[in-house]
Amino acid sequence: MNHRPAPGTGQCPAHRGATALHGPEFAADPHAVYRRLRAHGPVVPVELAPGVPAHLVTDYRAALEVLRSPGTFAKDPRRWRDLAEGRIAPDNPVVPMMAYRPNCLFTDGEQHRRLRGAVTDSLERIDPNALRGYVERSADTLIDRFTALGEADLLGSYAKVLPLLVFNQLFGCPPELGDRLVEGMSGIFDGVDAERANTLVYTTLTELIGIKRRQPGADMTSWLMAHPARLTDEEMIHQIVVLMGAGTEPQQNLVAGALRLLLCDDRFAGDLAGGSMPVDDALDEVLWLDPPMANYGVHYPTADLDFAGVRLRAGDPVVVSFAAANTDPALRPERHSGQRTGNRAHLAWSAGPHHCPAKDPARLIASVAVERLLDRLPDLELAVPDDRLVWRPGPFHRALTALPVRFPPQPVPARAPEPAAARAAGLPAETPAGTPVEPPAETPGDSRWNLPSRPSGSTPPAGTSTARPPASAPAGRRPPWSSLVAWWHGR
């Protein structure tokens, strides 16, 4: 097969007429697209955005081979031939999601091991019990805002906001910076004004790192900064980008996807009506069928090669479709036999040396978020038929635009006031009925996040923690809590 660019097009013949993974048609029913693509083989030409060709892997075994063969399929996007040679403009909407950053996602070999060691060691410092408690308190704060209304958009008012609260806490991030970071990451994922979104993320993280240089705490940012890997500020920024990207957009999609499934699928809705909450089963189903990052795992052949019957050029993007691989017909006998419940052999967290290092805390956050909501509002139901829900376009994610629900209105429960330090931090809030609601306590440097330091393969016994800041550390007035929700609603 001739893969030279066709004259005047900058695109090889194999990609002329390639299937588009962008636009509303793909977003509405991606699995129909995957079924059509499989008819042409396990690796097929696609278009990620206008003028951005790639090959998509739809076969489970082929996907594992790509993910587990770093010598053949590299992650470093500096190998991306079309971008390096100017055939793809730097402001193309998919570039921020694919271009090189010095982080553990986009590096190989020793550099990858060093950067990933800093991430995994820092993640291990998080106490899961403290994380669970913070998610529960944050969930209650958000639910209190709409429980008296009898209706809500669970995406805009809950699933989108909750990961931001957790991110702010884990990374010691002031809420005003968190607003900007999530705005930037959302723009990157959606491909909307991606260049501006990329700049917003970079400048905001530069500000956060400056804050932590002056006042470190028991948080992920400070632990990364103090790690023996000696990350530069540039590396710091990009480790946080990859962690934040995994902790906000995919997390909200996992929460919303599980809630949708629990509310609209009779297999789960029946259990809910009977008083059971099969949350783990719903999460497994979403991770198998509609993983939050449906198509990602971008790799680049290190040399021209024949793979799964297709000639691949060195430096051409090979994208693993986690969603298509998980629904590979070769897996159907096992899944139809009822063994998918509890079966976590899906590829939603990727596989190989670049598998997600944060899958345990990510799953914990999603599970607690869903459980808390169903515990507080057990009579939830969708406000529109499931087939009227709208999915956001984009080649990489599987994301709803809204998740409207209704339920019997309930009074806002009285809660004990938060500590004075939390009130002094600002974030006043009001329910729609006008009842003030205190936010969860902000705990910069709180030792509750800090598990005892222990050696690992990448961290000597000297530990990764930083000194806790003095209790009297000044805290500036933060924007009103309502601005967070208002931002998500576009107001």
Protein backbone atom coordinates (compact mmCIF):
# COMPACT_ATOMS: atom_id res chain seq x y z
CA MET A 1 0.00 0.00 0.00
CA ASN A 2 1.33 3.41 -0.98
CA HIS A 3 1.21 5.78 1.99
CA ARG A 4 2.79 8.81 0.39
CA PRO A 5 0.71 12.00 0.59
CA ALA A 6 -1.50 12.52 -2.42
CA PRO A 7 -0.42 15.53 -4.48
CA GLY A 8 -1.79 18.79 -3.10
CA THR A 9 -3.58 17.13 -0.16
CA GLY A 10 -0.86 16.41 2.39
CA GLN A 11 -2.75 13.19 3.05
CA CYS A 12 -1.96 9.63 2.03
CA PRO A 13 -4.46 7.73 -0.18
CA ALA A 14 -5.34 5.39 2.72
CA HIS A 15 -6.79 8.34 4.61
CA ARG A 16 -8.81 9.94 1.82
CA GLY A 17 -12.41 9.36 2.86
CA ALA A 18 -11.31 8.11 6.29
CA THR A 19 -14.02 7.87 8.92
CA ALA A 20 -14.38 11.04 10.98
CA LEU A 21 -14.26 10.69 14.74
CA HIS A 22 -15.52 14.23 15.21
CA GLY A 23 -18.92 15.84 14.87
CA PRO A 24 -22.40 15.05 16.21
CA GLU A 25 -22.95 11.87 14.18
CA PHE A 26 -20.01 10.09 15.78
CA ALA A 27 -20.89 11.48 19.23
CA ALA A 28 -24.50 10.26 18.96
CA ASP A 29 -23.62 6.61 18.27
CA PRO A 30 -19.90 5.81 18.32
CA HIS A 31 -20.49 2.08 18.66
CA ALA A 32 -22.22 2.03 15.27
CA VAL A 33 -19.08 3.63 13.85
CA TYR A 34 -16.86 1.05 15.55
CA ARG A 35 -18.95 -1.76 14.08
CA ARG A 36 -18.54 -0.33 10.58
CA LEU A 37 -14.82 0.11 11.07
CA ARG A 38 -14.33 -3.48 12.22
CA ALA A 39 -15.57 -4.67 8.84
CA HIS A 40 -12.34 -3.22 7.39
CA GLY A 41 -10.00 -4.87 9.89
CA PRO A 42 -8.56 -4.36 13.37
CA VAL A 43 -6.61 -1.21 12.41
CA VAL A 44 -8.33 1.37 10.21
CA PRO A 45 -7.68 4.91 8.93
CA VAL A 46 -9.68 7.64 10.67
CA GLU A 47 -9.71 11.41 10.93
CA LEU A 48 -9.44 12.81 14.48
CA ALA A 49 -10.19 16.38 13.38
CA PRO A 50 -10.32 18.02 9.96
CA GLY A 51 -6.95 17.31 8.35
CA VAL A 52 -5.63 15.08 11.16
CA PRO A 53 -5.24 11.48 9.94
CA ALA A 54 -4.55 8.56 12.27
CA HIS A 55 -5.11 4.81 12.51
CA LEU A 56 -7.61 3.49 15.05
CA VAL A 57 -7.14 0.13 16.76
CA THR A 58 -10.50 -1.53 17.38
CA ASP A 59 -9.36 -5.06 18.27
CA TYR A 60 -8.72 -6.02 21.93
CA ARG A 61 -5.63 -8.15 21.28
CA ALA A 62 -4.14 -5.67 18.84
CA ALA A 63 -4.74 -2.90 21.38
CA LEU A 64 -2.88 -4.85 24.07
CA GLU A 65 0.01 -5.42 21.68
CA VAL A 66 0.29 -1.69 21.00
CA LEU A 67 0.01 -0.77 24.68
CA ARG A 68 2.55 -3.37 25.82
CA SER A 69 5.20 -2.86 23.12
CA PRO A 70 7.01 0.40 23.95
CA GLY A 71 9.95 -0.54 21.76
CA THR A 72 7.70 -0.72 18.70
CA PHE A 73 5.04 1.83 19.58
CA ALA A 74 6.39 4.90 21.38
CA LYS A 75 4.40 7.53 23.28
CA ASP A 76 6.59 10.57 22.63
CA PRO A 77 4.60 12.88 20.28
CA ARG A 78 7.78 14.53 19.02
CA ARG A 79 7.75 11.55 16.64
CA TRP A 80 4.44 12.79 15.15
CA ARG A 81 5.54 13.28 11.55
CA ASP A 82 2.67 15.42 10.24
CA LEU A 83 2.93 17.92 13.09
CA ALA A 84 6.73 18.10 12.94
CA GLU A 85 6.69 18.65 9.18
CA GLY A 86 4.00 21.35 9.30
CA ARG A 87 1.10 19.50 7.68
CA ILE A 88 -0.93 20.00 10.86
CA ALA A 89 -1.17 23.50 12.30
CA PRO A 90 -0.24 24.02 15.95
CA ASP A 91 -3.69 25.53 16.61
CA ASN A 92 -5.55 22.45 15.36
CA PRO A 93 -8.10 21.54 18.06
CA VAL A 94 -6.62 18.10 18.81
CA VAL A 95 -3.03 19.29 19.19
CA PRO A 96 -3.27 20.21 22.90
CA MET A 97 -4.41 16.65 23.65
CA MET A 98 -1.68 15.06 21.55
CA ALA A 99 1.36 17.35 21.47
CA TYR A 100 4.46 16.65 23.52
CA ARG A 101 4.60 17.62 27.18
CA PRO A 102 7.42 16.53 29.49
CA ASN A 103 5.17 14.32 31.62
CA CYS A 104 4.81 10.63 32.32
CA LEU A 105 2.14 10.20 29.63
CA PHE A 106 4.17 11.50 26.69
CA THR A 107 7.63 10.10 27.43
CA ASP A 108 9.40 6.77 27.07
CA GLY A 109 12.26 4.85 28.64
CA GLU A 110 14.22 6.26 31.55
CA GLN A 111 12.56 9.67 31.38
CA HIS A 112 9.17 8.02 31.68
CA ARG A 113 10.27 5.89 34.63
CA ARG A 114 11.63 8.93 36.46
CA LEU A 115 8.54 11.08 35.91
CA ARG A 116 6.10 8.26 36.61
CA GLY A 117 7.95 7.41 39.82
CA ALA A 118 7.33 10.93 41.12
CA VAL A 119 3.63 10.62 40.28
CA THR A 120 3.06 7.16 41.72
CA ASP A 121 4.99 7.90 44.92
CA SER A 122 3.01 11.09 45.46
CA LEU A 123 -0.31 9.35 44.80
CA GLU A 124 0.59 6.75 47.39
CA ARG A 125 0.77 9.49 50.02
CA ILE A 126 -3.00 10.00 49.81
CA ASP A 127 -4.96 8.40 52.64
CA PRO A 128 -8.01 6.74 51.02
CA ASN A 129 -10.09 7.19 54.18
CA ALA A 130 -9.44 10.94 54.15
CA LEU A 131 -10.22 11.02 50.43
CA ARG A 132 -13.52 9.21 50.99
CA GLY A 133 -14.48 11.63 53.76
CA TYR A 134 -13.71 14.67 51.64
CA VAL A 135 -15.70 13.34 48.68
CA GLU A 136 -18.67 12.68 50.96
CA ARG A 137 -18.60 16.17 52.46
CA SER A 138 -18.16 17.78 49.05
CA ALA A 139 -21.04 15.70 47.67
CA ASP A 140 -23.31 16.75 50.52
CA THR A 141 -22.48 20.40 49.92
CA LEU A 142 -23.45 20.15 46.25
CA ILE A 143 -26.58 18.06 46.85
CA ASP A 144 -27.76 20.56 49.46
CA ARG A 145 -27.87 23.18 46.71
CA PHE A 146 -30.61 21.44 44.70
CA THR A 147 -32.33 18.95 47.02
CA ALA A 148 -35.25 21.33 47.73
CA LEU A 149 -35.86 22.00 44.02
CA GLY A 150 -36.98 18.54 42.96
CA GLU A 151 -34.93 18.75 39.76
CA ALA A 152 -31.32 19.21 38.72
CA ASP A 153 -28.79 18.77 35.96
CA LEU A 154 -26.54 16.19 37.59
CA LEU A 155 -23.75 16.95 35.14
CA GLY A 156 -23.53 20.71 35.55
CA SER A 157 -24.47 20.88 39.23
CA TYR A 158 -22.77 17.73 40.50
CA ALA A 159 -20.53 15.55 38.32
CA LYS A 160 -18.59 18.50 36.87
CA VAL A 161 -18.14 20.35 40.14
CA LEU A 162 -17.25 17.49 42.48
CA PRO A 163 -13.95 16.56 40.78
CA LEU A 164 -12.94 20.22 40.91
CA LEU A 165 -13.44 20.30 44.68
CA VAL A 166 -11.40 17.13 45.09
CA PHE A 167 -8.71 18.46 42.78
CA ASN A 168 -8.50 21.72 44.71
CA GLN A 169 -8.06 19.77 47.93
CA LEU A 170 -5.57 17.18 46.73
CA PHE A 171 -3.35 19.71 44.98
CA GLY A 172 -3.65 22.48 47.54
CA CYS A 173 -5.17 24.63 44.80
CA PRO A 174 -7.08 27.84 45.66
CA PRO A 175 -10.58 27.70 44.16
CA GLU A 176 -10.02 30.74 41.93
CA LEU A 177 -7.18 28.87 40.24
CA GLY A 178 -9.27 25.71 40.11
CA ASP A 179 -11.98 27.56 38.17
CA ARG A 180 -9.45 28.57 35.54
CA LEU A 181 -7.82 25.16 35.35
CA VAL A 182 -11.07 23.33 34.72
CA GLU A 183 -12.10 25.95 32.15
CA GLY A 184 -8.82 25.35 30.36
CA MET A 185 -9.00 21.56 30.54
CA SER A 186 -12.61 21.56 29.32
CA GLY A 187 -11.55 23.64 26.32
CA ILE A 188 -8.72 21.25 25.56
CA PHE A 189 -10.98 18.18 25.69
CA ASP A 190 -13.72 19.81 23.61
CA GLY A 191 -11.29 21.27 21.09
CA VAL A 192 -12.94 24.70 21.54
CA ASP A 193 -10.43 27.55 21.26
CA ALA A 194 -7.83 24.96 22.20
CA GLU A 195 -4.83 27.26 21.89
CA ARG A 196 -6.31 29.73 24.40
CA ALA A 197 -7.29 26.83 26.68
CA ASN A 198 -3.76 25.46 26.58
CA THR A 199 -2.32 28.87 27.50
CA LEU A 200 -4.82 29.28 30.35
CA VAL A 201 -3.79 25.94 31.87
CA TYR A 202 -0.08 26.73 31.58
CA THR A 203 -0.25 30.20 33.13
CA THR A 204 -2.53 29.08 35.95
CA LEU A 205 -0.30 26.16 36.91
CA THR A 206 2.73 28.44 36.86
CA GLU A 207 0.91 30.54 39.46
CA LEU A 208 0.02 27.48 41.57
CA ILE A 209 3.63 26.25 41.60
CA GLY A 210 4.78 29.70 42.67
CA ILE A 211 2.33 29.57 45.58
CA LYS A 212 3.62 26.15 46.65
CA ARG A 213 7.26 27.23 46.37
CA ARG A 214 6.47 29.92 48.92
CA GLN A 215 4.15 27.83 51.09
CA PRO A 216 4.39 24.04 50.60
CA GLY A 217 1.85 21.77 52.26
CA ALA A 218 0.73 18.16 52.52
CA ASP A 219 -0.64 18.08 48.99
CA MET A 220 0.19 16.52 45.63
CA THR A 221 1.79 19.68 44.26
CA SER A 222 4.18 19.96 47.19
CA TRP A 223 4.98 16.24 47.21
CA LEU A 224 5.85 16.31 43.51
CA MET A 225 7.99 19.38 44.12
CA ALA A 226 9.90 17.69 46.97
CA HIS A 227 10.34 14.32 45.24
CA PRO A 228 13.91 13.02 44.73
CA ALA A 229 13.24 13.01 40.98
CA ARG A 230 13.96 16.77 41.24
CA LEU A 231 11.31 17.89 38.78
CA THR A 232 11.87 21.21 37.07
CA ASP A 233 9.07 23.78 37.11
CA GLU A 234 8.31 22.85 33.51
CA GLU A 235 8.07 19.16 34.44
CA MET A 236 5.97 20.08 37.48
CA ILE A 237 3.47 21.91 35.30
CA HIS A 238 3.08 18.99 32.97
CA GLN A 239 2.79 16.31 35.66
CA ILE A 240 -0.07 18.33 37.12
CA VAL A 241 -1.64 18.76 33.67
CA VAL A 242 -1.80 15.01 33.12
CA LEU A 243 -3.07 14.33 36.65
CA MET A 244 -5.63 17.09 36.47
CA GLY A 245 -6.74 16.02 33.02
CA ALA A 246 -7.33 12.49 34.32
CA GLY A 247 -8.96 13.77 37.50
CA THR A 248 -11.52 16.21 36.09
CA GLU A 249 -12.93 15.55 32.61
CA PRO A 250 -12.77 11.71 32.61
CA GLN A 251 -13.86 11.61 36.25
CA GLN A 252 -17.00 13.67 35.62
CA ASN A 253 -17.81 11.49 32.62
CA LEU A 254 -17.45 8.33 34.69
CA VAL A 255 -19.74 9.69 37.43
CA ALA A 256 -22.34 10.94 34.94
CA GLY A 257 -22.15 7.74 32.89
CA ALA A 258 -22.71 5.55 35.94
CA LEU A 259 -25.63 7.69 37.11
CA ARG A 260 -27.22 7.54 33.66
CA LEU A 261 -26.88 3.77 33.58
CA LEU A 262 -28.30 3.32 37.08
CA LEU A 263 -31.30 5.49 36.20
CA CYS A 264 -32.18 4.22 32.72
CA ASP A 265 -31.09 0.58 32.51
CA ASP A 266 -33.69 -1.86 33.91
CA ARG A 267 -30.97 -4.23 35.11
CA PHE A 268 -29.80 -1.53 37.52
CA ALA A 269 -32.95 0.53 38.03
CA GLY A 270 -34.78 -2.54 39.32
CA ASP A 271 -32.12 -3.11 41.94
CA LEU A 272 -32.31 0.54 42.98
CA ALA A 273 -36.07 0.30 43.45
CA GLY A 274 -35.53 -2.73 45.64
CA GLY A 275 -33.21 -0.84 47.94
CA SER A 276 -29.90 -2.08 46.49
CA MET A 277 -27.30 0.19 44.92
CA PRO A 278 -25.13 -1.84 42.52
CA VAL A 279 -22.75 1.06 42.03
CA ASP A 280 -19.64 -1.03 41.40
CA ASP A 281 -21.50 -3.03 38.74
CA ALA A 282 -22.58 0.18 37.01
CA LEU A 283 -19.03 1.56 37.09
CA ASP A 284 -17.73 -1.67 35.56
CA GLU A 285 -20.38 -1.48 32.83
CA VAL A 286 -19.45 2.10 31.95
CA LEU A 287 -15.74 1.30 31.96
CA TRP A 288 -16.40 -1.61 29.60
CA LEU A 289 -18.92 -0.05 27.20
CA ASP A 290 -18.53 3.73 27.38
CA PRO A 291 -15.16 4.49 29.01
CA PRO A 292 -14.73 8.21 29.77
CA MET A 293 -11.70 8.33 27.47
CA ALA A 294 -13.08 6.31 24.59
CA ASN A 295 -10.23 6.80 22.10
CA TYR A 296 -6.81 7.85 23.29
CA GLY A 297 -3.65 5.91 24.06
CA VAL A 298 -1.94 7.60 21.11
CA HIS A 299 1.26 5.83 20.02
CA TYR A 300 3.75 6.32 17.20
CA PRO A 301 5.52 3.47 15.36
CA THR A 302 9.26 3.78 15.83
CA ALA A 303 9.82 2.40 12.32
CA ASP A 304 7.74 1.54 9.27
CA LEU A 305 6.04 -1.80 9.91
CA ASP A 306 3.22 -4.12 8.94
CA PHE A 307 0.78 -4.47 11.82
CA ALA A 308 -2.54 -6.34 11.81
CA GLY A 309 -2.51 -6.37 8.02
CA VAL A 310 -1.86 -2.64 7.65
CA ARG A 311 1.31 -0.82 6.65
CA LEU A 312 2.08 1.83 9.28
CA ARG A 313 4.63 4.58 8.77
CA ALA A 314 7.00 5.65 11.49
CA GLY A 315 5.61 8.70 13.26
CA ASP A 316 1.98 8.32 12.17
CA PRO A 317 -0.49 8.37 15.10
CA VAL A 318 -1.94 5.03 16.14
CA VAL A 319 -4.88 5.61 18.48
CA VAL A 320 -6.18 2.84 20.71
CA SER A 321 -9.97 2.80 20.90
CA PHE A 322 -10.55 1.60 24.45
CA ALA A 323 -14.31 1.60 23.78
CA ALA A 324 -14.05 -0.42 20.57
CA ALA A 325 -11.49 -2.86 22.01
CA ASN A 326 -13.67 -3.44 25.06
CA THR A 327 -16.61 -4.31 22.79
CA ASP A 328 -14.57 -6.52 20.46
CA PRO A 329 -16.90 -9.36 19.37
CA ALA A 330 -14.18 -11.83 20.35
CA LEU A 331 -14.94 -10.96 23.99
CA ARG A 332 -18.68 -11.43 23.73
CA PRO A 333 -18.96 -15.08 24.86
CA GLU A 334 -17.37 -14.21 28.21
CA ARG A 335 -19.39 -11.03 28.63
CA HIS A 336 -22.72 -12.57 27.61
CA SER A 337 -22.21 -15.38 30.11
CA GLY A 338 -22.67 -12.87 32.94
CA GLN A 339 -19.01 -12.73 33.92
CA ARG A 340 -18.55 -9.04 33.20
CA THR A 341 -19.79 -8.09 36.67
CA GLY A 342 -16.62 -7.75 38.69
CA ASN A 343 -14.50 -8.40 35.58
CA ARG A 344 -12.03 -5.55 35.28
CA ALA A 345 -10.00 -6.76 32.32
CA HIS A 346 -11.27 -3.78 30.31
CA LEU A 347 -8.83 -1.26 28.85
CA ALA A 348 -10.48 1.88 30.24
CA TRP A 349 -7.38 2.51 32.40
CA SER A 350 -5.10 1.55 29.49
CA ALA A 351 -2.44 -1.17 29.95
CA GLY A 352 1.30 -1.67 29.80
CA PRO A 353 3.89 0.81 31.11
CA HIS A 354 1.52 3.76 30.66
CA HIS A 355 -1.53 2.35 32.43
CA CYS A 356 -3.30 4.88 34.64
CA PRO A 357 -1.45 5.24 37.97
CA ALA A 358 -4.47 6.88 39.64
CA LYS A 359 -7.15 4.30 38.86
CA ASP A 360 -7.73 3.36 42.51
CA PRO A 361 -8.40 6.89 43.80
CA ALA A 362 -10.35 7.68 40.61
CA ARG A 363 -12.64 4.72 41.11
CA LEU A 364 -13.03 5.55 44.81
CA ILE A 365 -14.07 9.13 44.01
CA ALA A 366 -16.61 7.97 41.41
CA SER A 367 -18.04 5.25 43.64
CA VAL A 368 -18.47 7.54 46.65
CA ALA A 369 -19.95 10.32 44.50
CA VAL A 370 -22.60 8.01 43.06
CA GLU A 371 -23.36 6.26 46.35
CA ARG A 372 -23.76 9.53 48.23
CA LEU A 373 -26.16 10.97 45.68
CA LEU A 374 -28.34 7.85 45.59
CA ASP A 375 -28.31 7.64 49.36
CA ARG A 376 -29.52 11.24 49.66
CA LEU A 377 -31.99 11.10 46.74
CA PRO A 378 -33.10 7.47 46.33
CA ASP A 379 -36.11 8.35 44.13
CA LEU A 380 -34.14 9.97 41.32
CA GLU A 381 -35.37 9.49 37.78
CA LEU A 382 -34.36 10.87 34.41
CA ALA A 383 -36.33 13.96 33.40
CA VAL A 384 -36.11 13.07 29.70
CA PRO A 385 -36.02 9.74 27.83
CA ASP A 386 -32.54 8.26 27.63
CA ASP A 387 -32.49 8.54 23.83
CA ARG A 388 -32.93 12.32 24.11
CA LEU A 389 -29.73 12.81 26.08
CA VAL A 390 -27.10 14.59 23.98
CA TRP A 391 -23.44 13.59 23.82
CA ARG A 392 -20.63 16.11 23.34
CA PRO A 393 -18.68 15.79 20.09
CA GLY A 394 -14.97 15.04 20.15
CA PRO A 395 -12.70 12.17 19.12
CA PHE A 396 -11.33 11.30 22.55
CA HIS A 397 -13.99 11.39 25.25
CA ARG A 398 -17.48 9.96 25.84
CA ALA A 399 -19.31 12.80 27.55
CA LEU A 400 -22.89 13.98 28.02
CA THR A 401 -23.89 17.63 27.61
CA ALA A 402 -26.40 17.38 30.49
CA LEU A 403 -28.07 14.82 32.75
CA PRO A 404 -31.46 16.26 33.80
CA VAL A 405 -33.26 14.45 36.63
CA ARG A 406 -36.26 14.93 38.89
CA PHE A 407 -37.05 13.69 42.39
CA PRO A 408 -39.37 14.46 45.31
CA PRO A 409 -38.14 17.72 46.83
CA GLN A 410 -36.50 17.38 50.23
CA PRO A 411 -35.62 20.01 52.82
CA VAL A 412 -31.97 20.93 53.17
CA PRO A 413 -30.72 19.16 56.32
CA ALA A 414 -29.25 21.23 59.11
CA ARG A 415 -25.51 20.75 59.34
CA ALA A 416 -22.96 21.64 61.96
CA PRO A 417 -20.96 24.76 61.03
CA GLU A 418 -17.59 24.19 59.43
CA PRO A 419 -14.49 25.19 61.41
CA ALA A 420 -13.73 28.90 61.61
CA ALA A 421 -10.75 28.45 59.32
CA ALA A 422 -13.07 27.21 56.56
CA ARG A 423 -15.45 30.13 57.01
CA ALA A 424 -12.54 32.55 56.95
CA ALA A 425 -11.48 31.08 53.61
CA GLY A 426 -14.65 32.49 52.03
CA LEU A 427 -16.72 30.47 49.56
CA PRO A 428 -20.12 31.62 50.88
CA ALA A 429 -22.94 29.69 49.27
CA GLU A 430 -26.71 29.77 49.10
CA THR A 431 -29.29 27.23 48.09
CA PRO A 432 -31.89 28.34 45.56
CA ALA A 433 -34.22 28.89 48.51
CA GLY A 434 -31.71 31.29 50.04
CA THR A 435 -30.49 29.09 52.88
CA PRO A 436 -26.75 29.58 53.43
CA VAL A 437 -24.68 26.46 52.87
CA GLU A 438 -21.14 26.19 54.18
CA PRO A 439 -18.57 24.54 51.88
CA PRO A 440 -16.40 21.64 52.97
CA ALA A 441 -13.42 22.69 55.04
CA GLU A 442 -10.34 23.73 53.10
CA THR A 443 -7.33 21.99 54.58
CA PRO A 444 -4.08 23.25 53.06
CA GLY A 445 -1.30 21.15 54.52
CA ASP A 446 -3.77 18.93 56.36
CA SER A 447 -1.99 15.80 57.57
CA ARG A 448 -5.15 13.75 56.99
CA TRP A 449 -4.09 13.37 53.36
CA ASN A 450 -0.67 12.12 54.38
CA LEU A 451 -0.02 8.40 54.69
CA PRO A 452 3.23 7.45 56.45
CA SER A 453 6.17 7.80 54.10
CA ARG A 454 7.52 4.50 52.87
CA PRO A 455 10.30 3.61 50.44
CA SER A 456 9.51 2.52 46.91
CA GLY A 457 11.49 1.60 43.86
CA SER A 458 11.76 5.24 42.88
CA THR A 459 11.87 6.97 46.26
CA PRO A 460 14.58 6.54 48.86
CA PRO A 461 13.62 6.37 52.56
CA ALA A 462 14.21 10.14 52.81
CA GLY A 463 10.47 10.54 52.08
CA THR A 464 8.49 12.76 49.79
CA SER A 465 6.61 15.00 52.18
CA THR A 466 7.06 18.68 52.77
CA ALA A 467 6.69 20.72 55.90
CA ARG A 468 3.16 21.62 56.89
CA PRO A 469 2.61 25.36 56.71
CA PRO A 470 1.90 27.24 59.94
CA ALA A 471 -1.71 27.27 61.04
CA SER A 472 -1.66 31.04 60.82
CA ALA A 473 -0.74 31.11 57.15
CA PRO A 474 -2.72 33.90 55.49
CA ALA A 475 -5.55 33.02 53.18
CA GLY A 476 -6.91 35.56 50.73
CA ARG A 477 -10.62 36.06 50.20
CA ARG A 478 -11.86 33.69 47.51
CA PRO A 479 -14.58 34.23 44.94
CA PRO A 480 -18.15 33.37 45.94
CA TRP A 481 -18.98 29.68 45.85
CA SER A 482 -21.85 30.41 43.48
CA SER A 483 -19.38 31.52 40.81
CA LEU A 484 -18.18 27.94 40.47
CA VAL A 485 -21.58 26.55 39.53
CA ALA A 486 -22.42 29.66 37.51
CA TRP A 487 -19.30 29.18 35.41
CA TRP A 488 -20.32 25.65 34.50
CA HIS A 489 -23.73 26.91 33.42
CA GLY A 490 -22.15 29.56 31.21
CA ARG A 491 -23.38 32.50 33.28
